[in-house]
C-alpha atoms as a PDB file:
ATOM      1  CA  MET A   1      67.663 103.228  67.106  1.00  0.00           C
ATOM      2  CA  PHE A   2      67.066 100.434  69.614  1.00  0.00           C
ATOM      3  CA  SER A   3      69.245  97.882  67.601  1.00  0.00           C
ATOM      4  CA  LEU A   4      72.208 100.137  68.632  1.00  0.00           C
ATOM      5  CA  VAL A   5      71.355  99.712  72.402  1.00  0.00           C
ATOM      6  CA  LYS A   6      72.245  96.696  74.243  1.00  0.00           C
ATOM      7  CA  LEU A   7      69.176  95.679  76.231  1.00  0.00           C
ATOM      8  CA  PRO A   8      69.523  94.085  79.690  1.00  0.00           C
ATOM      9  CA  PRO A   9      69.507  90.223  79.906  1.00  0.00           C
ATOM     10  CA  VAL A  10      66.455  88.388  81.301  1.00  0.00           C
ATOM     11  CA  PHE A  11      66.532  85.421  83.698  1.00  0.00           C
ATOM     12  CA  ASN A  12      64.485  82.533  84.979  1.00  0.00           C
ATOM     13  CA  ALA A  13      63.216  82.254  88.516  1.00  0.00           C
ATOM     14  CA  HIS A  14      65.886  80.000  89.807  1.00  0.00           C
ATOM     15  CA  GLN A  15      68.444  82.565  88.848  1.00  0.00           C
ATOM     16  CA  VAL A  16      67.173  85.444  90.985  1.00  0.00           C
ATOM     17  CA  PRO A  17      66.887  85.651  94.743  1.00  0.00           C
ATOM     18  CA  LYS A  18      63.657  84.515  96.360  1.00  0.00           C
ATOM     19  CA  ALA A  19      62.767  87.989  97.252  1.00  0.00           C
ATOM     20  CA  PHE A  20      62.313  88.939  93.441  1.00  0.00           C
ATOM     21  CA  GLN A  21      60.388  85.768  92.608  1.00  0.00           C
ATOM     22  CA  GLU A  22      56.721  85.883  91.887  1.00  0.00           C
ATOM     23  CA  ASP A  23      54.124  83.129  92.302  1.00  0.00           C
ATOM     24  CA  SER A  24      53.961  80.854  89.255  1.00  0.00           C
ATOM     25  CA  ILE A  25      56.097  83.154  87.072  1.00  0.00           C
ATOM     26  CA  ILE A  26      59.002  81.200  85.706  1.00  0.00           C
ATOM     27  CA  SER A  27      60.784  83.405  83.342  1.00  0.00           C
ATOM     28  CA  GLY A  28      61.314  87.067  82.177  1.00  0.00           C
ATOM     29  CA  TYR A  29      63.112  88.381  85.331  1.00  0.00           C
ATOM     30  CA  ARG A  30      65.367  91.266  85.235  1.00  0.00           C
ATOM     31  CA  HIS A  31      68.646  91.416  87.051  1.00  0.00           C
ATOM     32  CA  PRO A  32      68.346  91.874  90.788  1.00  0.00           C
ATOM     33  CA  ARG A  33      71.085  94.449  90.803  1.00  0.00           C
ATOM     34  CA  SER A  34      69.988  96.405  87.695  1.00  0.00           C
ATOM     35  CA  SER A  35      71.103 100.043  87.266  1.00  0.00           C
ATOM     36  CA  ALA A  36      68.525 102.833  86.754  1.00  0.00           C
ATOM     37  CA  THR A  37      69.512 102.833  83.106  1.00  0.00           C
ATOM     38  CA  ASP A  38      68.856  99.179  82.792  1.00  0.00           C
ATOM     39  CA  CYS A  39      65.554  99.426  84.439  1.00  0.00           C
ATOM     40  CA  ILE A  40      64.341 102.161  81.970  1.00  0.00           C
ATOM     41  CA  LEU A  41      65.738 100.243  79.002  1.00  0.00           C
ATOM     42  CA  SER A  42      63.867  97.113  80.219  1.00  0.00           C
ATOM     43  CA  LEU A  43      60.653  98.898  79.457  1.00  0.00           C
ATOM     44  CA  PHE A  44      61.330  98.495  75.824  1.00  0.00           C
ATOM     45  CA  GLN A  45      61.812  94.748  75.928  1.00  0.00           C
ATOM     46  CA  LEU A  46      59.470  91.953  76.974  1.00  0.00           C
ATOM     47  CA  THR A  47      59.797  91.099  80.601  1.00  0.00           C
ATOM     48  CA  ASN A  48      57.310  89.874  83.159  1.00  0.00           C
ATOM     49  CA  GLU A  49      57.251  93.480  84.436  1.00  0.00           C
ATOM     50  CA  THR A  50      56.963  95.426  81.109  1.00  0.00           C
ATOM     51  CA  LEU A  51      53.265  95.479  80.770  1.00  0.00           C
ATOM     52  CA  ASN A  52      52.876  96.008  84.543  1.00  0.00           C
ATOM     53  CA  VAL A  53      54.627  99.494  83.929  1.00  0.00           C
ATOM     54  CA  TRP A  54      52.875 100.483  80.812  1.00  0.00           C
ATOM     55  CA  THR A  55      49.267  99.512  81.877  1.00  0.00           C
ATOM     56  CA  HIS A  56      49.709 102.135  84.654  1.00  0.00           C
ATOM     57  CA  PHE A  57      52.106 104.732  83.106  1.00  0.00           C
ATOM     58  CA  LEU A  58      49.919 105.427  80.036  1.00  0.00           C
ATOM     59  CA  PRO A  59      46.650 105.853  82.069  1.00  0.00           C
ATOM     60  CA  THR A  60      48.591 108.344  84.303  1.00  0.00           C
ATOM     61  CA  TRP A  61      48.501 110.743  81.367  1.00  0.00           C
ATOM     62  CA  TYR A  62      44.757 110.275  80.769  1.00  0.00           C
ATOM     63  CA  PHE A  63      44.080 110.998  84.357  1.00  0.00           C
ATOM     64  CA  LEU A  64      46.296 113.977  84.361  1.00  0.00           C
ATOM     65  CA  TYR A  65      44.467 115.340  81.194  1.00  0.00           C
ATOM     66  CA  LYS A  66      41.239 115.006  83.234  1.00  0.00           C
ATOM     67  CA  LEU A  67      42.803 116.863  86.160  1.00  0.00           C
ATOM     68  CA  VAL A  68      44.089 119.776  83.960  1.00  0.00           C
ATOM     69  CA  THR A  69      40.584 119.945  82.226  1.00  0.00           C
ATOM     70  CA  VAL A  70      38.932 120.300  85.658  1.00  0.00           C
ATOM     71  CA  ILE A  71      41.417 122.996  86.743  1.00  0.00           C
ATOM     72  CA  PHE A  72      41.008 125.240  83.612  1.00  0.00           C
ATOM     73  CA  LEU A  73      37.309 124.662  82.901  1.00  0.00           C
ATOM     74  CA  GLN A  74      35.900 124.937  86.435  1.00  0.00           C
ATOM     75  CA  ASP A  75      36.298 127.582  88.971  1.00  0.00           C
ATOM     76  CA  VAL A  76      38.403 125.416  91.423  1.00  0.00           C
ATOM     77  CA  TRP A  77      39.842 128.455  93.106  1.00  0.00           C
ATOM     78  CA  THR A  78      36.672 129.838  94.466  1.00  0.00           C
ATOM     79  CA  ASP A  79      34.084 127.012  93.998  1.00  0.00           C
ATOM     80  CA  SER A  80      34.551 124.821  96.954  1.00  0.00           C
ATOM     81  CA  TYR A  81      32.154 122.172  95.544  1.00  0.00           C
ATOM     82  CA  THR A  82      34.790 121.157  93.067  1.00  0.00           C
ATOM     83  CA  TRP A  83      37.544 120.544  95.711  1.00  0.00           C
ATOM     84  CA  PRO A  84      36.578 116.885  96.489  1.00  0.00           C
ATOM     85  CA  LEU A  85      36.752 116.179  92.735  1.00  0.00           C
ATOM     86  CA  LEU A  86      40.085 117.933  92.561  1.00  0.00           C
ATOM     87  CA  VAL A  87      41.470 115.689  95.427  1.00  0.00           C
ATOM     88  CA  TYR A  88      40.079 112.633  93.885  1.00  0.00           C
ATOM     89  CA  LEU A  89      41.625 113.289  90.410  1.00  0.00           C
ATOM     90  CA  VAL A  90      45.058 114.058  91.994  1.00  0.00           C
ATOM     91  CA  SER A  91      45.025 110.805  93.713  1.00  0.00           C
ATOM     92  CA  CYS A  92      44.045 109.191  90.551  1.00  0.00           C
ATOM     93  CA  CYS A  93      47.250 110.496  88.925  1.00  0.00           C
ATOM     94  CA  VAL A  94      49.523 109.608  91.856  1.00  0.00           C
ATOM     95  CA  TYR A  95      48.467 105.960  92.390  1.00  0.00           C
ATOM     96  CA  PRO A  96      49.364 104.595  88.696  1.00  0.00           C
ATOM     97  CA  LEU A  97      52.390 106.883  88.512  1.00  0.00           C
ATOM     98  CA  ALA A  98      53.748 105.465  91.884  1.00  0.00           C
ATOM     99  CA  SER A  99      52.923 102.009  90.657  1.00  0.00           C
ATOM    100  CA  SER A 100      54.692 102.250  87.340  1.00  0.00           C
ATOM    101  CA  CYS A 101      57.763 103.785  89.069  1.00  0.00           C
ATOM    102  CA  ALA A 102      57.729 100.972  91.640  1.00  0.00           C
ATOM    103  CA  HIS A 103      57.617  98.326  89.012  1.00  0.00           C
ATOM    104  CA  THR A 104      60.297 100.003  86.854  1.00  0.00           C
ATOM    105  CA  PHE A 105      62.950 100.492  89.575  1.00  0.00           C
ATOM    106  CA  SER A 106      62.198  97.610  91.909  1.00  0.00           C
ATOM    107  CA  THR A 107      65.069  95.546  90.561  1.00  0.00           C
ATOM    108  CA  MET A 108      67.815  97.947  91.543  1.00  0.00           C
ATOM    109  CA  SER A 109      68.262  95.901  94.831  1.00  0.00           C
ATOM    110  CA  THR A 110      66.315  94.212  97.451  1.00  0.00           C
ATOM    111  CA  ARG A 111      66.340  97.532  99.412  1.00  0.00           C
ATOM    112  CA  SER A 112      65.075  99.645  96.617  1.00  0.00           C
ATOM    113  CA  ARG A 113      62.342  97.044  95.863  1.00  0.00           C
ATOM    114  CA  HIS A 114      60.831  97.373  99.283  1.00  0.00           C
ATOM    115  CA  ILE A 115      61.091 101.136  99.433  1.00  0.00           C
ATOM    116  CA  CYS A 116      59.506 101.408  95.902  1.00  0.00           C
ATOM    117  CA  TYR A 117      56.607  99.351  96.983  1.00  0.00           C
ATOM    118  CA  PHE A 118      56.277 101.309 100.225  1.00  0.00           C
ATOM    119  CA  PHE A 119      55.597 104.449  97.978  1.00  0.00           C
ATOM    120  CA  ASP A 120      53.134 102.354  95.958  1.00  0.00           C
ATOM    121  CA  TYR A 121      51.195 101.356  98.927  1.00  0.00           C
ATOM    122  CA  GLY A 122      51.183 104.957 100.181  1.00  0.00           C
ATOM    123  CA  ALA A 123      49.738 106.104  96.855  1.00  0.00           C
ATOM    124  CA  LEU A 124      47.110 103.413  97.021  1.00  0.00           C
ATOM    125  CA  SER A 125      46.019 104.674 100.481  1.00  0.00           C
ATOM    126  CA  LEU A 126      45.759 108.063  99.183  1.00  0.00           C
ATOM    127  CA  TYR A 127      43.691 107.092  96.256  1.00  0.00           C
ATOM    128  CA  SER A 128      41.392 105.331  98.721  1.00  0.00           C
ATOM    129  CA  LEU A 129      41.025 108.614 100.705  1.00  0.00           C
ATOM    130  CA  GLY A 130      40.421 110.575  97.417  1.00  0.00           C
ATOM    131  CA  SER A 131      37.679 108.318  96.628  1.00  0.00           C
ATOM    132  CA  ALA A 132      36.077 108.658 100.122  1.00  0.00           C
ATOM    133  CA  ILE A 133      36.426 112.582  99.967  1.00  0.00           C
ATOM    134  CA  ALA A 134      34.563 112.486  96.609  1.00  0.00           C
ATOM    135  CA  TYR A 135      31.863 109.965  97.776  1.00  0.00           C
ATOM    136  CA  SER A 136      31.236 112.140 100.838  1.00  0.00           C
ATOM    137  CA  ALA A 137      30.621 115.091  98.676  1.00  0.00           C
ATOM    138  CA  TYR A 138      28.703 113.679  95.662  1.00  0.00           C
ATOM    139  CA  ILE A 139      27.309 110.059  96.041  1.00  0.00           C
ATOM    140  CA  VAL A 140      26.035 109.708  99.679  1.00  0.00           C
ATOM    141  CA  PRO A 141      22.420 108.724  99.478  1.00  0.00           C
ATOM    142  CA  ASP A 142      19.741 111.339 100.247  1.00  0.00           C
ATOM    143  CA  ALA A 143      18.815 109.769 103.532  1.00  0.00           C
ATOM    144  CA  TRP A 144      22.182 109.571 104.939  1.00  0.00           C
ATOM    145  CA  VAL A 145      23.267 113.314 104.186  1.00  0.00           C
ATOM    146  CA  ASN A 146      24.016 114.963 107.526  1.00  0.00           C
ATOM    147  CA  SER A 147      23.867 111.798 109.472  1.00  0.00           C
ATOM    148  CA  ASN A 148      26.518 110.830 111.968  1.00  0.00           C
ATOM    149  CA  PHE A 149      27.938 108.377 109.511  1.00  0.00           C
ATOM    150  CA  HIS A 150      28.325 111.124 106.942  1.00  0.00           C
ATOM    151  CA  LYS A 151      29.996 113.528 109.581  1.00  0.00           C
ATOM    152  CA  TYR A 152      32.546 111.064 110.561  1.00  0.00           C
ATOM    153  CA  TYR A 153      33.085 109.327 107.228  1.00  0.00           C
ATOM    154  CA  VAL A 154      36.145 111.312 106.107  1.00  0.00           C
ATOM    155  CA  PRO A 155      37.877 111.281 109.397  1.00  0.00           C
ATOM    156  CA  VAL A 156      37.523 107.516 109.554  1.00  0.00           C
ATOM    157  CA  ALA A 157      38.747 107.340 105.922  1.00  0.00           C
ATOM    158  CA  VAL A 158      41.895 109.310 106.953  1.00  0.00           C
ATOM    159  CA  LEU A 159      42.423 106.816 109.910  1.00  0.00           C
ATOM    160  CA  ASN A 160      42.031 103.980 107.378  1.00  0.00           C
ATOM    161  CA  THR A 161      44.755 105.233 105.096  1.00  0.00           C
ATOM    162  CA  VAL A 162      46.994 105.209 108.048  1.00  0.00           C
ATOM    163  CA  ILE A 163      46.230 101.734 108.925  1.00  0.00           C
ATOM    164  CA  SER A 164      46.369 100.553 105.353  1.00  0.00           C
ATOM    165  CA  THR A 165      49.937 102.055 104.682  1.00  0.00           C
ATOM    166  CA  ALA A 166      51.272 100.823 107.901  1.00  0.00           C
ATOM    167  CA  THR A 167      49.935  97.309 107.458  1.00  0.00           C
ATOM    168  CA  ALA A 168      51.023  96.974 103.939  1.00  0.00           C
ATOM    169  CA  CYS A 169      54.460  98.265 104.599  1.00  0.00           C
ATOM    170  CA  TYR A 170      54.654  95.960 107.767  1.00  0.00           C
ATOM    171  CA  SER A 171      53.935  92.877 105.542  1.00  0.00           C
ATOM    172  CA  ARG A 172      57.141  93.440 103.652  1.00  0.00           C
ATOM    173  CA  LEU A 173      59.373  94.456 106.561  1.00  0.00           C
ATOM    174  CA  GLY A 174      57.924  93.696 109.981  1.00  0.00           C
ATOM    175  CA  PHE A 175      60.614  91.242 110.960  1.00  0.00           C
ATOM    176  CA  LEU A 176      63.385  93.594 110.699  1.00  0.00           C
ATOM    177  CA  LEU A 177      61.594  96.119 113.113  1.00  0.00           C
ATOM    178  CA  HIS A 178      61.828  93.691 115.852  1.00  0.00           C
ATOM    179  CA  SER A 179      65.297  92.306 115.630  1.00  0.00           C
ATOM    180  CA  ASN A 180      68.837  93.744 115.926  1.00  0.00           C
ATOM    181  CA  HIS A 181      70.482  90.432 115.430  1.00  0.00           C
ATOM    182  CA  ASP A 182      73.560  90.675 113.048  1.00  0.00           C
ATOM    183  CA  SER A 183      72.479  87.552 111.267  1.00  0.00           C
ATOM    184  CA  VAL A 184      69.227  88.976 110.075  1.00  0.00           C
ATOM    185  CA  ASN A 185      69.360  88.810 106.449  1.00  0.00           C
ATOM    186  CA  ARG A 186      65.913  87.941 105.432  1.00  0.00           C
ATOM    187  CA  PHE A 187      62.781  89.983 105.277  1.00  0.00           C
ATOM    188  CA  ALA A 188      59.476  89.209 106.760  1.00  0.00           C
ATOM    189  CA  GLU A 189      57.872  88.560 103.279  1.00  0.00           C
ATOM    190  CA  ASN A 190      60.432  85.877 102.579  1.00  0.00           C
ATOM    191  CA  LYS A 191      59.997  84.125 105.930  1.00  0.00           C
ATOM    192  CA  ARG A 192      56.272  84.060 105.866  1.00  0.00           C
ATOM    193  CA  PRO A 193      55.059  85.009 102.286  1.00  0.00           C
ATOM    194  CA  ARG A 194      51.525  83.866 102.722  1.00  0.00           C
ATOM    195  CA  LEU A 195      51.073  85.975 105.852  1.00  0.00           C
ATOM    196  CA  GLY A 196      52.474  88.965 104.009  1.00  0.00           C
ATOM    197  CA  LYS A 197      50.138  88.423 101.115  1.00  0.00           C
ATOM    198  CA  VAL A 198      47.127  88.198 103.307  1.00  0.00           C
ATOM    199  CA  LEU A 199      48.124  91.313 105.290  1.00  0.00           C
ATOM    200  CA  ARG A 200      48.402  93.256 101.938  1.00  0.00           C
ATOM    201  CA  VAL A 201      45.072  92.002 100.827  1.00  0.00           C
ATOM    202  CA  LEU A 202      43.478  93.025 103.996  1.00  0.00           C
ATOM    203  CA  ALA A 203      45.259  96.367 104.090  1.00  0.00           C
ATOM    204  CA  PHE A 204      43.570  97.381 100.690  1.00  0.00           C
ATOM    205  CA  THR A 205      40.361  95.386 100.993  1.00  0.00           C
ATOM    206  CA  TYR A 206      39.111  97.045 104.264  1.00  0.00           C
ATOM    207  CA  PRO A 207      39.391 100.669 103.145  1.00  0.00           C
ATOM    208  CA  TYR A 208      37.737  99.833  99.879  1.00  0.00           C
ATOM    209  CA  LEU A 209      34.790  98.233 101.639  1.00  0.00           C
ATOM    210  CA  PHE A 210      34.485 101.043 104.168  1.00  0.00           C
ATOM    211  CA  ASP A 211      34.816 103.823 101.341  1.00  0.00           C
ATOM    212  CA  ASN A 212      31.948 102.053  99.386  1.00  0.00           C
ATOM    213  CA  ILE A 213      29.337 101.592 102.244  1.00  0.00           C
ATOM    214  CA  PRO A 214      27.214 104.506 101.147  1.00  0.00           C
ATOM    215  CA  LEU A 215      27.534 103.288  97.600  1.00  0.00           C
ATOM    216  CA  PHE A 216      26.532  99.727  98.396  1.00  0.00           C
ATOM    217  CA  TYR A 217      23.596 100.885 100.297  1.00  0.00           C
ATOM    218  CA  ARG A 218      22.487 103.288  97.651  1.00  0.00           C
ATOM    219  CA  ILE A 219      22.809 100.777  94.720  1.00  0.00           C
ATOM    220  CA  PHE A 220      21.768  97.470  96.399  1.00  0.00           C
ATOM    221  CA  PHE A 221      19.847  98.035  99.556  1.00  0.00           C
ATOM    222  CA  CYS A 222      18.137 101.434  99.528  1.00  0.00           C
ATOM    223  CA  VAL A 223      14.430 101.339  98.767  1.00  0.00           C
ATOM    224  CA  GLY A 224      11.666 103.993  98.954  1.00  0.00           C
ATOM    225  CA  GLU A 225      12.036 107.565  99.986  1.00  0.00           C
ATOM    226  CA  GLY A 226      15.589 108.872 100.697  1.00  0.00           C
ATOM    227  CA  CYS A 227      17.193 106.882  97.859  1.00  0.00           C
ATOM    228  CA  THR A 228      19.240 108.380  95.083  1.00  0.00           C
ATOM    229  CA  ALA A 229      18.099 106.599  91.878  1.00  0.00           C
ATOM    230  CA  ASN A 230      19.412 108.253  88.643  1.00  0.00           C
ATOM    231  CA  GLU A 231      21.069 107.355  85.385  1.00  0.00           C
ATOM    232  CA  VAL A 232      24.423 107.319  87.069  1.00  0.00           C
ATOM    233  CA  ASN A 233      23.830 104.012  88.955  1.00  0.00           C
ATOM    234  CA  PRO A 234      24.860 101.780  86.024  1.00  0.00           C
ATOM    235  CA  PHE A 235      28.325 103.280  86.010  1.00  0.00           C
ATOM    236  CA  HIS A 236      28.795 102.613  89.755  1.00  0.00           C
ATOM    237  CA  VAL A 237      27.676  99.066  89.165  1.00  0.00           C
ATOM    238  CA  HIS A 238      30.393  98.679  86.491  1.00  0.00           C
ATOM    239  CA  HIS A 239      32.965 100.199  88.772  1.00  0.00           C
ATOM    240  CA  ILE A 240      31.904  97.769  91.605  1.00  0.00           C
ATOM    241  CA  ILE A 241      32.136  94.651  89.477  1.00  0.00           C
ATOM    242  CA  LEU A 242      35.496  95.554  88.094  1.00  0.00           C
ATOM    243  CA  ALA A 243      36.847  96.541  91.570  1.00  0.00           C
ATOM    244  CA  PHE A 244      35.928  93.213  92.941  1.00  0.00           C
ATOM    245  CA  LEU A 245      37.434  91.517  89.851  1.00  0.00           C
ATOM    246  CA  THR A 246      40.681  93.443  90.604  1.00  0.00           C
ATOM    247  CA  GLY A 247      40.707  92.120  94.121  1.00  0.00           C
ATOM    248  CA  PHE A 248      40.028  88.495  92.839  1.00  0.00           C
ATOM    249  CA  LEU A 249      43.007  88.592  90.567  1.00  0.00           C
ATOM    250  CA  PHE A 250      45.425  90.124  93.144  1.00  0.00           C
ATOM    251  CA  ALA A 251      44.450  87.579  95.713  1.00  0.00           C
ATOM    252  CA  THR A 252      44.346  84.351  93.525  1.00  0.00           C
ATOM    253  CA  HIS A 253      47.200  84.735  91.088  1.00  0.00           C
ATOM    254  CA  LEU A 254      45.052  83.395  88.208  1.00  0.00           C
ATOM    255  CA  PRO A 255      45.530  82.460  85.383  1.00  0.00           C
ATOM    256  CA  GLU A 256      49.304  81.770  85.932  1.00  0.00           C
ATOM    257  CA  ARG A 257      48.677  79.543  88.930  1.00  0.00           C
ATOM    258  CA  LEU A 258      46.650  77.048  86.626  1.00  0.00           C
ATOM    259  CA  ALA A 259      49.629  76.963  84.047  1.00  0.00           C
ATOM    260  CA  PRO A 260      52.973  78.177  85.408  1.00  0.00           C
ATOM    261  CA  GLY A 261      55.119  79.594  82.737  1.00  0.00           C
ATOM    262  CA  ARG A 262      52.294  80.095  80.211  1.00  0.00           C
ATOM    263  CA  PHE A 263      51.636  83.696  81.274  1.00  0.00           C
ATOM    264  CA  ASP A 264      54.939  84.989  82.359  1.00  0.00           C
ATOM    265  CA  LEU A 265      55.301  87.786  79.889  1.00  0.00           C
ATOM    266  CA  ILE A 266      51.739  88.443  78.847  1.00  0.00           C
ATOM    267  CA  GLY A 267      48.292  87.877  80.529  1.00  0.00           C
ATOM    268  CA  HIS A 268      49.420  87.021  84.195  1.00  0.00           C
ATOM    269  CA  SER A 269      47.299  88.250  87.045  1.00  0.00           C
ATOM    270  CA  HIS A 270      49.091  91.318  87.946  1.00  0.00           C
ATOM    271  CA  GLN A 271      48.697  92.701  84.288  1.00  0.00           C
ATOM    272  CA  LEU A 272      45.013  91.932  84.410  1.00  0.00           C
ATOM    273  CA  PHE A 273      44.874  93.312  87.904  1.00  0.00           C
ATOM    274  CA  HIS A 274      46.227  96.700  86.606  1.00  0.00           C
ATOM    275  CA  VAL A 275      43.849  96.741  83.602  1.00  0.00           C
ATOM    276  CA  CYS A 276      40.868  96.027  85.646  1.00  0.00           C
ATOM    277  CA  GLY A 277      41.916  98.585  88.400  1.00  0.00           C
ATOM    278  CA  ILE A 278      42.450 101.427  85.803  1.00  0.00           C
ATOM    279  CA  THR A 279      39.140 100.538  83.949  1.00  0.00           C
ATOM    280  CA  ALA A 280      37.376 100.420  87.289  1.00  0.00           C
ATOM    281  CA  THR A 281      38.735 103.874  88.179  1.00  0.00           C
ATOM    282  CA  HIS A 282      37.626 105.263  84.769  1.00  0.00           C
ATOM    283  CA  PHE A 283      33.916 104.149  85.399  1.00  0.00           C
ATOM    284  CA  GLN A 284      34.204 105.565  88.920  1.00  0.00           C
ATOM    285  CA  MET A 285      35.398 108.935  87.598  1.00  0.00           C
ATOM    286  CA  GLN A 286      32.536 109.126  85.085  1.00  0.00           C
ATOM    287  CA  ALA A 287      30.119 108.218  87.803  1.00  0.00           C
ATOM    288  CA  LEU A 288      31.448 110.907  90.258  1.00  0.00           C
ATOM    289  CA  GLU A 289      31.356 113.550  87.598  1.00  0.00           C
ATOM    290  CA  MET A 290      27.891 112.765  86.593  1.00  0.00           C
ATOM    291  CA  ASP A 291      26.587 112.698  90.255  1.00  0.00           C
ATOM    292  CA  MET A 292      28.433 115.944  90.905  1.00  0.00           C
ATOM    293  CA  THR A 293      26.632 117.626  88.074  1.00  0.00           C
ATOM    294  CA  LEU A 294      23.113 116.148  88.463  1.00  0.00           C
ATOM    295  CA  ARG A 295      22.948 116.434  92.357  1.00  0.00           C
ATOM    296  CA  ARG A 296      24.512 119.897  92.654  1.00  0.00           C
ATOM    297  CA  LYS A 297      21.421 121.874  93.346  1.00  0.00           C
ATOM    298  CA  TRP A 298      20.017 119.430  95.728  1.00  0.00           C
ATOM    299  CA  LEU A 299      23.267 118.968  97.678  1.00  0.00           C
ATOM    300  CA  HIS A 300      23.828 122.670  97.738  1.00  0.00           C
ATOM    301  CA  VAL A 301      20.677 123.070  99.780  1.00  0.00           C
ATOM    302  CA  ASN A 302      20.821 119.986 101.928  1.00  0.00           C
ATOM    303  CA  ALA A 303      24.286 118.850 102.405  1.00  0.00           C
ATOM    304  CA  PRO A 304      26.919 120.496 104.484  1.00  0.00           C
ATOM    305  CA  ALA A 305      29.336 122.871 103.043  1.00  0.00           C
ATOM    306  CA  VAL A 306      32.444 121.476 101.430  1.00  0.00           C
ATOM    307  CA  THR A 307      35.443 122.729 103.495  1.00  0.00           C
ATOM    308  CA  PHE A 308      39.139 123.027 103.031  1.00  0.00           C
ATOM    309  CA  GLY A 309      39.784 120.763 106.219  1.00  0.00           C
ATOM    310  CA  GLY A 310      37.461 118.019 104.782  1.00  0.00           C
ATOM    311  CA  THR A 311      39.018 117.935 101.422  1.00  0.00           C
ATOM    312  CA  LEU A 312      42.479 119.377 100.754  1.00  0.00           C
ATOM    313  CA  GLY A 313      43.291 119.519 104.511  1.00  0.00           C
ATOM    314  CA  ALA A 314      42.523 115.865 104.956  1.00  0.00           C
ATOM    315  CA  SER A 315      44.523 114.686 102.100  1.00  0.00           C
ATOM    316  CA  MET A 316      47.585 116.804 103.084  1.00  0.00           C
ATOM    317  CA  VAL A 317      47.318 115.332 106.593  1.00  0.00           C
ATOM    318  CA  SER A 318      47.214 111.842 105.219  1.00  0.00           C
ATOM    319  CA  ILE A 319      50.161 112.496 102.853  1.00  0.00           C
ATOM    320  CA  MET A 320      52.310 113.822 105.712  1.00  0.00           C
ATOM    321  CA  ILE A 321      51.450 110.635 107.951  1.00  0.00           C
ATOM    322  CA  GLY A 322      51.929 108.415 105.125  1.00  0.00           C
ATOM    323  CA  LEU A 323      55.441 109.792 104.307  1.00  0.00           C
ATOM    324  CA  GLY A 324      56.186 109.451 107.941  1.00  0.00           C
ATOM    325  CA  ILE A 325      55.224 105.641 107.868  1.00  0.00           C
ATOM    326  CA  ILE A 326      57.222 105.053 104.800  1.00  0.00           C
ATOM    327  CA  TYR A 327      60.323 106.730 106.492  1.00  0.00           C
ATOM    328  CA  TYR A 328      59.793 104.616 109.590  1.00  0.00           C
ATOM    329  CA  PHE A 329      59.751 101.396 107.545  1.00  0.00           C
ATOM    330  CA  SER A 330      62.570 102.545 105.178  1.00  0.00           C
ATOM    331  CA  TYR A 331      65.102 103.436 107.841  1.00  0.00           C
ATOM    332  CA  PRO A 332      66.017  99.922 108.943  1.00  0.00           C
ATOM    333  CA  LEU A 333      66.826  99.262 105.318  1.00  0.00           C
ATOM    334  CA  PHE A 334      69.103 102.119 105.048  1.00  0.00           C
ATOM    335  CA  TYR A 335      70.601 101.428 108.510  1.00  0.00           C
ATOM    336  CA  ARG A 336      71.294  97.803 107.625  1.00  0.00           C
ATOM    337  CA  TYR A 337      72.869  98.920 104.395  1.00  0.00           C
ATOM    338  CA  VAL A 338      75.260 101.409 106.120  1.00  0.00           C
ATOM    339  CA  VAL A 339      76.181  98.662 108.730  1.00  0.00           C
ATOM    340  CA  GLN A 340      76.976  96.225 105.894  1.00  0.00           C
ATOM    341  CA  GLN A 341      79.069  98.758 104.112  1.00  0.00           C
ATOM    342  CA  SER A 342      80.955  99.780 107.057  1.00  0.00           C
ATOM    343  CA  GLY A 343      81.595  96.064 107.873  1.00  0.00           C
ATOM    344  CA  ARG A 344      82.945  95.422 104.590  1.00  0.00           C
ATOM    345  CA  LYS A 345      85.307  98.386 104.795  1.00  0.00           C
ATOM    346  CA  GLY A 346      86.516  97.357 108.297  1.00  0.00           C
ATOM    347  CA  SER A 347      86.949  93.654 107.037  1.00  0.00           C
ATOM    348  CA  GLY A 348      89.066  95.077 104.059  1.00  0.00           C
ATOM    349  CA  LYS A 349      91.274  96.943 106.497  1.00  0.00           C
ATOM    350  CA  VAL A 350      92.055  93.937 108.466  1.00  0.00           C
ATOM    351  CA  LYS A 351      92.864  91.781 105.471  1.00  0.00           C
ATOM    352  CA  LYS A 352      95.202  94.515 104.359  1.00  0.00           C
ATOM    353  CA  ASN A 353      97.110  94.705 107.507  1.00  0.00           C
END
């Protein structure tokens, strides 16, 4: 069947604009003005983005299966104890789907590339909040339940999603927001790529570290009375190790930095980053479900009641603010595009006369 379909060509790094180039990736680039059809067809040929898409698109269906299972097998409509897990599972479905869509359609234009990744960043921030909501309900150490930290944990996590999304988006487009000069035709990421990279690393490292404060304390520091020691802890440790490996791969661009061109199509850091991130989420999900079951009776007696505002309400507020941030950073791109198009039409009229 695919032999009858003409697959899009691929290019080397020097053949595509700088905005589309990746560190130490030499070949396998798609056309920077690909159509939506070309983007989809490219998923069935080997480019430097193919495995980035599939390593997140396929797990989306597994996480969706887990979500549907919870909806149908647990009384989510009346049992508020299940709401944090529900919010968490929704965020687990959203972030790999947004990522796979971003990697698929990011080569339609420079404008679409930035907007696609804005949504990707927003989805990652939502996942961070989903994790915090589930952690607040199920994994907080016994000694911290009802503490001031526990009371303000989710509200601070909501604030962190706002900061994270805004910082990550700014790392790509901040320069345009502060300039109306007609000659502006380069993005912040192209002018100062290292700064943009550092900002993105910080944007997602900080929320993760904050979300995991109760887990770090429970696993590595808590001793004696008030600790939560059960058979779930090894799963939490597996998740933590894989999460740090995920961050390491994202920040270092290994192994392709050691051998540019050798890992262009298979085995570069972003593919490994996706695999480690998804596997970490899998272990995190297992640990949360086990803690949820094993600690239910104790938490029902000692922990504050799960509320709509602290779960579904918090996530809805975060989604609305996140969409507002994405709109704020996307507007200059659309405005610049409209100005360019009107300028071309005006120039055409002058030449015609």
